[in-house]
Amino acid sequence: MAGWKDIREIAAWRHSREVKKRVDEILQRPEVRRKYKFCDQLSDAARSAPSNIAEGFGRGGNKVFANYARIAKGSLIEVLNHIIDACDQDLLTESEFLDRQREILKAVKTTVGLIEHLETHPDPPRKPRKPTS
């Protein structure tokens, strides 16, 4: 797929991972940790984006990969919604919210670019299997 040999080469995965890491920082705050359901939902959504990009990459084929990237995009939008909720609950300052929003939207943009690339490029040719004797 598009010449990538490792998920860490994929910009959408790297940006999604950064979002996950920033969410983990927020989740360590005592005032946030007390909101158990919110923490679980935010954590699950943040982990879903890089995980789905990785899984799509591992499954092979651009069409399948694009479907997993769409799921990742949806998870990133869900993270944005949870971050908006956190700001509404005064768990984040406006400045923190704007920083997180910028990071999330960058991850969304690169994921959309990945989807567009996968949808417009055919699968690379498969290497023929060596016959077994």
N, C-alpha and C. Protein backbone atom coordinates (compact mmCIF):
# COMPACT_ATOMS: atom_id res chain seq x y z
N MET A 1 0.83 -1.19 0.00
CA MET A 1 0.00 0.00 0.00
C MET A 1 0.86 1.24 0.00
N ALA A 2 0.85 1.91 -1.12
CA ALA A 2 1.49 3.21 -1.28
C ALA A 2 2.93 3.26 -0.82
N GLY A 3 3.56 2.13 -0.71
CA GLY A 3 4.97 2.11 -0.37
C GLY A 3 5.29 2.18 1.11
N TRP A 4 4.30 2.27 1.97
CA TRP A 4 4.59 2.29 3.40
C TRP A 4 5.02 0.90 3.84
N LYS A 5 6.03 0.87 4.66
CA LYS A 5 6.49 -0.42 5.18
C LYS A 5 6.13 -0.58 6.66
N ASP A 6 5.79 0.52 7.31
CA ASP A 6 5.55 0.54 8.75
C ASP A 6 4.50 1.61 9.04
N ILE A 7 3.62 1.36 9.99
CA ILE A 7 2.56 2.33 10.30
C ILE A 7 3.13 3.68 10.73
N ARG A 8 4.32 3.67 11.32
CA ARG A 8 4.91 4.93 11.79
C ARG A 8 5.29 5.87 10.65
N GLU A 9 5.27 5.38 9.43
CA GLU A 9 5.54 6.22 8.26
C GLU A 9 4.29 6.97 7.80
N ILE A 10 3.14 6.62 8.31
CA ILE A 10 1.87 7.19 7.86
C ILE A 10 1.53 8.42 8.72
N ALA A 11 1.47 9.58 8.08
CA ALA A 11 1.23 10.84 8.81
C ALA A 11 -0.06 10.79 9.62
N ALA A 12 -1.11 10.23 9.05
CA ALA A 12 -2.39 10.17 9.77
C ALA A 12 -2.25 9.37 11.06
N TRP A 13 -1.49 8.28 11.03
CA TRP A 13 -1.27 7.49 12.24
C TRP A 13 -0.46 8.31 13.26
N ARG A 14 0.59 8.98 12.81
CA ARG A 14 1.43 9.78 13.74
C ARG A 14 0.62 10.88 14.41
N HIS A 15 -0.20 11.59 13.64
CA HIS A 15 -1.00 12.68 14.22
C HIS A 15 -2.09 12.13 15.15
N SER A 16 -2.66 11.01 14.79
CA SER A 16 -3.67 10.39 15.66
C SER A 16 -3.03 9.93 16.97
N ARG A 17 -1.83 9.42 16.87
CA ARG A 17 -1.11 9.00 18.08
C ARG A 17 -0.83 10.20 18.98
N GLU A 18 -0.47 11.34 18.40
CA GLU A 18 -0.24 12.55 19.20
C GLU A 18 -1.52 12.98 19.92
N VAL A 19 -2.64 12.89 19.22
CA VAL A 19 -3.92 13.21 19.87
C VAL A 19 -4.13 12.28 21.06
N LYS A 20 -3.89 11.00 20.87
CA LYS A 20 -4.05 10.03 21.96
C LYS A 20 -3.16 10.39 23.15
N LYS A 21 -1.92 10.76 22.87
CA LYS A 21 -0.99 11.11 23.95
C LYS A 21 -1.46 12.35 24.71
N ARG A 22 -1.99 13.34 24.01
CA ARG A 22 -2.48 14.56 24.68
C ARG A 22 -3.74 14.25 25.50
N VAL A 23 -4.58 13.37 24.98
CA VAL A 23 -5.76 12.95 25.74
C VAL A 23 -5.34 12.22 27.01
N ASP A 24 -4.32 11.38 26.91
CA ASP A 24 -3.82 10.67 28.10
C ASP A 24 -3.38 11.66 29.17
N GLU A 25 -2.78 12.77 28.77
CA GLU A 25 -2.37 13.80 29.73
C GLU A 25 -3.59 14.39 30.44
N ILE A 26 -4.63 14.66 29.68
CA ILE A 26 -5.86 15.21 30.26
C ILE A 26 -6.48 14.20 31.23
N LEU A 27 -6.46 12.93 30.84
CA LEU A 27 -7.09 11.90 31.67
C LEU A 27 -6.37 11.66 32.99
N GLN A 28 -5.17 12.13 33.13
CA GLN A 28 -4.43 11.97 34.39
C GLN A 28 -4.82 13.00 35.44
N ARG A 29 -5.54 14.02 35.06
CA ARG A 29 -5.94 15.07 36.00
C ARG A 29 -6.98 14.54 36.98
N PRO A 30 -6.78 14.80 38.27
CA PRO A 30 -7.73 14.28 39.27
C PRO A 30 -9.17 14.71 39.03
N GLU A 31 -9.38 15.94 38.63
CA GLU A 31 -10.75 16.43 38.41
C GLU A 31 -11.41 15.74 37.21
N VAL A 32 -10.61 15.26 36.28
CA VAL A 32 -11.14 14.53 35.12
C VAL A 32 -11.35 13.06 35.49
N ARG A 33 -10.41 12.50 36.22
CA ARG A 33 -10.47 11.07 36.59
C ARG A 33 -11.72 10.73 37.38
N ARG A 34 -12.26 11.70 38.08
CA ARG A 34 -13.48 11.44 38.88
C ARG A 34 -14.70 11.20 37.99
N LYS A 35 -14.62 11.56 36.74
CA LYS A 35 -15.74 11.39 35.80
C LYS A 35 -15.49 10.11 35.00
N TYR A 36 -15.79 8.98 35.63
CA TYR A 36 -15.40 7.68 35.11
C TYR A 36 -15.91 7.40 33.70
N LYS A 37 -17.19 7.59 33.49
CA LYS A 37 -17.77 7.29 32.18
C LYS A 37 -17.15 8.18 31.11
N PHE A 38 -17.02 9.46 31.42
CA PHE A 38 -16.40 10.40 30.49
C PHE A 38 -14.98 9.96 30.15
N CYS A 39 -14.22 9.57 31.16
CA CYS A 39 -12.83 9.11 30.95
C CYS A 39 -12.79 7.89 30.04
N ASP A 40 -13.65 6.94 30.30
CA ASP A 40 -13.68 5.73 29.46
C ASP A 40 -14.02 6.05 28.02
N GLN A 41 -15.03 6.90 27.81
CA GLN A 41 -15.44 7.24 26.45
C GLN A 41 -14.35 8.01 25.72
N LEU A 42 -13.74 8.98 26.38
CA LEU A 42 -12.67 9.77 25.77
C LEU A 42 -11.46 8.90 25.46
N SER A 43 -11.10 8.06 26.40
CA SER A 43 -9.95 7.17 26.19
C SER A 43 -10.19 6.21 25.03
N ASP A 44 -11.37 5.61 24.99
CA ASP A 44 -11.69 4.67 23.90
C ASP A 44 -11.65 5.37 22.55
N ALA A 45 -12.22 6.55 22.45
CA ALA A 45 -12.24 7.27 21.17
C ALA A 45 -10.83 7.65 20.74
N ALA A 46 -10.02 8.12 21.68
CA ALA A 46 -8.66 8.54 21.35
C ALA A 46 -7.80 7.36 20.90
N ARG A 47 -8.00 6.20 21.50
CA ARG A 47 -7.23 5.02 21.11
C ARG A 47 -7.70 4.41 19.81
N SER A 48 -8.95 4.63 19.48
CA SER A 48 -9.53 4.05 18.28
C SER A 48 -8.88 4.56 17.00
N ALA A 49 -8.55 5.85 16.94
CA ALA A 49 -8.05 6.41 15.68
C ALA A 49 -6.73 5.77 15.24
N PRO A 50 -5.67 5.82 16.04
CA PRO A 50 -4.43 5.18 15.56
C PRO A 50 -4.57 3.67 15.43
N SER A 51 -5.39 3.06 16.28
CA SER A 51 -5.58 1.60 16.20
C SER A 51 -6.24 1.20 14.89
N ASN A 52 -7.24 1.95 14.46
CA ASN A 52 -7.93 1.62 13.22
C ASN A 52 -7.05 1.86 11.99
N ILE A 53 -6.24 2.90 12.03
CA ILE A 53 -5.30 3.12 10.93
C ILE A 53 -4.31 1.96 10.87
N ALA A 54 -3.82 1.55 12.02
CA ALA A 54 -2.89 0.42 12.05
C ALA A 54 -3.55 -0.86 11.55
N GLU A 55 -4.78 -1.10 11.99
CA GLU A 55 -5.45 -2.33 11.56
C GLU A 55 -5.73 -2.32 10.07
N GLY A 56 -6.17 -1.19 9.54
CA GLY A 56 -6.42 -1.10 8.10
C GLY A 56 -5.15 -1.32 7.30
N PHE A 57 -4.06 -0.75 7.77
CA PHE A 57 -2.76 -0.95 7.11
C PHE A 57 -2.38 -2.42 7.12
N GLY A 58 -2.60 -3.07 8.24
CA GLY A 58 -2.23 -4.47 8.38
C GLY A 58 -3.10 -5.43 7.58
N ARG A 59 -4.31 -5.05 7.29
CA ARG A 59 -5.22 -5.94 6.57
C ARG A 59 -4.92 -5.98 5.08
N GLY A 60 -4.34 -4.93 4.54
CA GLY A 60 -3.98 -4.93 3.12
C GLY A 60 -5.12 -4.52 2.22
N GLY A 61 -4.77 -3.93 1.11
CA GLY A 61 -5.76 -3.48 0.13
C GLY A 61 -6.24 -2.08 0.45
N ASN A 62 -6.18 -1.21 -0.55
CA ASN A 62 -6.52 0.19 -0.33
C ASN A 62 -7.98 0.41 0.05
N LYS A 63 -8.89 -0.38 -0.53
CA LYS A 63 -10.32 -0.20 -0.21
C LYS A 63 -10.59 -0.54 1.26
N VAL A 64 -10.06 -1.63 1.72
CA VAL A 64 -10.23 -2.03 3.12
C VAL A 64 -9.57 -1.00 4.04
N PHE A 65 -8.36 -0.61 3.69
CA PHE A 65 -7.62 0.37 4.48
C PHE A 65 -8.41 1.68 4.58
N ALA A 66 -9.00 2.13 3.45
CA ALA A 66 -9.78 3.37 3.46
C ALA A 66 -10.97 3.26 4.41
N ASN A 67 -11.60 2.10 4.47
CA ASN A 67 -12.73 1.92 5.40
C ASN A 67 -12.28 2.07 6.85
N TYR A 68 -11.16 1.50 7.19
CA TYR A 68 -10.63 1.65 8.55
C TYR A 68 -10.23 3.10 8.83
N ALA A 69 -9.70 3.77 7.83
CA ALA A 69 -9.33 5.19 8.00
C ALA A 69 -10.58 6.04 8.24
N ARG A 70 -11.70 5.68 7.60
CA ARG A 70 -12.96 6.40 7.86
C ARG A 70 -13.40 6.22 9.31
N ILE A 71 -13.25 5.03 9.83
CA ILE A 71 -13.59 4.79 11.24
C ILE A 71 -12.68 5.64 12.13
N ALA A 72 -11.39 5.71 11.79
CA ALA A 72 -10.45 6.54 12.55
C ALA A 72 -10.89 8.00 12.53
N LYS A 73 -11.30 8.48 11.37
CA LYS A 73 -11.76 9.87 11.25
C LYS A 73 -12.96 10.11 12.16
N GLY A 74 -13.90 9.18 12.17
CA GLY A 74 -15.06 9.31 13.05
C GLY A 74 -14.67 9.35 14.51
N SER A 75 -13.68 8.54 14.87
CA SER A 75 -13.20 8.53 16.26
C SER A 75 -12.55 9.86 16.63
N LEU A 76 -11.82 10.45 15.70
CA LEU A 76 -11.20 11.75 15.97
C LEU A 76 -12.26 12.82 16.18
N ILE A 77 -13.33 12.79 15.39
CA ILE A 77 -14.42 13.74 15.58
C ILE A 77 -15.09 13.50 16.94
N GLU A 78 -15.20 12.24 17.34
CA GLU A 78 -15.74 11.94 18.67
C GLU A 78 -14.84 12.51 19.76
N VAL A 79 -13.53 12.41 19.59
CA VAL A 79 -12.59 12.99 20.56
C VAL A 79 -12.84 14.50 20.65
N LEU A 80 -13.00 15.16 19.50
CA LEU A 80 -13.26 16.59 19.50
C LEU A 80 -14.52 16.90 20.30
N ASN A 81 -15.57 16.11 20.12
CA ASN A 81 -16.80 16.32 20.87
C ASN A 81 -16.56 16.19 22.38
N HIS A 82 -15.78 15.19 22.78
CA HIS A 82 -15.49 15.01 24.21
C HIS A 82 -14.64 16.17 24.74
N ILE A 83 -13.75 16.68 23.93
CA ILE A 83 -12.92 17.82 24.34
C ILE A 83 -13.79 19.07 24.50
N ILE A 84 -14.76 19.24 23.61
CA ILE A 84 -15.72 20.34 23.76
C ILE A 84 -16.47 20.18 25.07
N ASP A 85 -16.91 18.96 25.37
CA ASP A 85 -17.60 18.69 26.64
C ASP A 85 -16.71 19.04 27.83
N ALA A 86 -15.44 18.67 27.74
CA ALA A 86 -14.50 18.95 28.84
C ALA A 86 -14.36 20.46 29.05
N CYS A 87 -14.33 21.20 27.96
CA CYS A 87 -14.26 22.66 28.08
C CYS A 87 -15.55 23.20 28.70
N ASP A 88 -16.69 22.66 28.26
CA ASP A 88 -17.99 23.09 28.82
C ASP A 88 -18.07 22.83 30.32
N GLN A 89 -17.38 21.79 30.79
CA GLN A 89 -17.41 21.43 32.21
C GLN A 89 -16.26 22.09 32.98
N ASP A 90 -15.57 23.02 32.34
CA ASP A 90 -14.43 23.72 32.95
C ASP A 90 -13.30 22.77 33.36
N LEU A 91 -13.14 21.68 32.62
CA LEU A 91 -12.04 20.76 32.86
C LEU A 91 -10.82 21.14 32.04
N LEU A 92 -11.02 21.99 31.05
CA LEU A 92 -9.95 22.53 30.22
C LEU A 92 -10.12 24.04 30.13
N THR A 93 -9.02 24.74 30.05
CA THR A 93 -9.10 26.17 29.80
C THR A 93 -9.39 26.38 28.31
N GLU A 94 -9.78 27.57 27.96
CA GLU A 94 -10.04 27.88 26.55
C GLU A 94 -8.77 27.69 25.72
N SER A 95 -7.64 28.08 26.27
CA SER A 95 -6.36 27.92 25.57
C SER A 95 -6.03 26.44 25.35
N GLU A 96 -6.23 25.63 26.39
CA GLU A 96 -6.00 24.19 26.26
C GLU A 96 -6.93 23.58 25.22
N PHE A 97 -8.19 24.01 25.27
CA PHE A 97 -9.15 23.52 24.29
C PHE A 97 -8.70 23.85 22.87
N LEU A 98 -8.28 25.08 22.63
CA LEU A 98 -7.86 25.48 21.29
C LEU A 98 -6.64 24.69 20.82
N ASP A 99 -5.71 24.43 21.73
CA ASP A 99 -4.55 23.61 21.37
C ASP A 99 -4.96 22.19 21.00
N ARG A 100 -5.82 21.57 21.81
CA ARG A 100 -6.27 20.22 21.52
C ARG A 100 -7.08 20.17 20.23
N GLN A 101 -7.95 21.17 20.05
CA GLN A 101 -8.75 21.24 18.83
C GLN A 101 -7.86 21.31 17.59
N ARG A 102 -6.83 22.12 17.65
CA ARG A 102 -5.90 22.26 16.52
C ARG A 102 -5.23 20.91 16.21
N GLU A 103 -4.80 20.22 17.24
CA GLU A 103 -4.17 18.90 17.05
C GLU A 103 -5.14 17.89 16.45
N ILE A 104 -6.36 17.89 16.95
CA ILE A 104 -7.37 16.94 16.45
C ILE A 104 -7.68 17.24 14.99
N LEU A 105 -7.88 18.51 14.66
CA LEU A 105 -8.22 18.86 13.28
C LEU A 105 -7.07 18.55 12.32
N LYS A 106 -5.84 18.65 12.80
CA LYS A 106 -4.69 18.26 11.97
C LYS A 106 -4.72 16.76 11.71
N ALA A 107 -5.05 15.99 12.74
CA ALA A 107 -5.16 14.54 12.57
C ALA A 107 -6.31 14.19 11.63
N VAL A 108 -7.43 14.90 11.73
CA VAL A 108 -8.56 14.67 10.82
C VAL A 108 -8.13 14.98 9.39
N LYS A 109 -7.46 16.10 9.20
CA LYS A 109 -7.04 16.51 7.86
C LYS A 109 -6.11 15.47 7.23
N THR A 110 -5.15 14.98 7.99
CA THR A 110 -4.23 13.99 7.42
C THR A 110 -4.94 12.66 7.18
N THR A 111 -5.91 12.34 8.00
CA THR A 111 -6.68 11.11 7.80
C THR A 111 -7.55 11.22 6.55
N VAL A 112 -8.16 12.37 6.34
CA VAL A 112 -8.92 12.60 5.11
C VAL A 112 -7.99 12.48 3.90
N GLY A 113 -6.80 13.04 3.99
CA GLY A 113 -5.83 12.90 2.91
C GLY A 113 -5.47 11.45 2.65
N LEU A 114 -5.32 10.68 3.71
CA LEU A 114 -5.04 9.25 3.57
C LEU A 114 -6.20 8.55 2.85
N ILE A 115 -7.42 8.84 3.27
CA ILE A 115 -8.60 8.24 2.63
C ILE A 115 -8.63 8.58 1.15
N GLU A 116 -8.43 9.85 0.83
CA GLU A 116 -8.45 10.28 -0.57
C GLU A 116 -7.36 9.57 -1.37
N HIS A 117 -6.20 9.45 -0.80
CA HIS A 117 -5.11 8.75 -1.48
C HIS A 117 -5.48 7.29 -1.74
N LEU A 118 -5.98 6.64 -0.72
CA LEU A 118 -6.33 5.22 -0.85
C LEU A 118 -7.45 5.00 -1.87
N GLU A 119 -8.39 5.93 -1.92
CA GLU A 119 -9.52 5.78 -2.85
C GLU A 119 -9.13 6.08 -4.30
N THR A 120 -8.05 6.80 -4.52
CA THR A 120 -7.69 7.19 -5.88
C THR A 120 -6.50 6.42 -6.43
N HIS A 121 -5.93 5.55 -5.65
CA HIS A 121 -4.79 4.76 -6.11
C HIS A 121 -5.14 3.27 -6.04
N PRO A 122 -4.81 2.56 -7.11
CA PRO A 122 -5.09 1.12 -7.08
C PRO A 122 -4.15 0.41 -6.10
N ASP A 123 -4.58 -0.77 -5.72
CA ASP A 123 -3.71 -1.59 -4.87
C ASP A 123 -2.41 -1.87 -5.61
N PRO A 124 -1.30 -1.87 -4.90
CA PRO A 124 -0.05 -2.24 -5.56
C PRO A 124 -0.09 -3.71 -5.97
N PRO A 125 0.67 -4.06 -7.00
CA PRO A 125 0.67 -5.47 -7.40
C PRO A 125 1.19 -6.35 -6.29
N ARG A 126 0.59 -7.50 -6.18
CA ARG A 126 1.03 -8.46 -5.16
C ARG A 126 2.22 -9.23 -5.68
N LYS A 127 3.10 -9.55 -4.77
CA LYS A 127 4.24 -10.38 -5.11
C LYS A 127 3.76 -11.82 -5.25
N PRO A 128 4.17 -12.50 -6.30
CA PRO A 128 3.72 -13.89 -6.44
C PRO A 128 4.27 -14.75 -5.31
N ARG A 129 3.46 -15.69 -4.90
CA ARG A 129 3.87 -16.61 -3.84
C ARG A 129 4.82 -17.64 -4.42
N LYS A 130 5.77 -17.99 -3.59
CA LYS A 130 6.71 -19.04 -4.00
C LYS A 130 6.03 -20.38 -3.82
N PRO A 131 6.14 -21.25 -4.83
CA PRO A 131 5.50 -22.56 -4.67
C PRO A 131 6.18 -23.36 -3.56
N THR A 132 5.38 -24.09 -2.84
CA THR A 132 5.92 -24.96 -1.79
C THR A 132 6.07 -26.36 -2.37
N SER A 133 7.10 -27.02 -1.93
CA SER A 133 7.31 -28.36 -2.46
C SER A 133 7.01 -29.43 -1.46
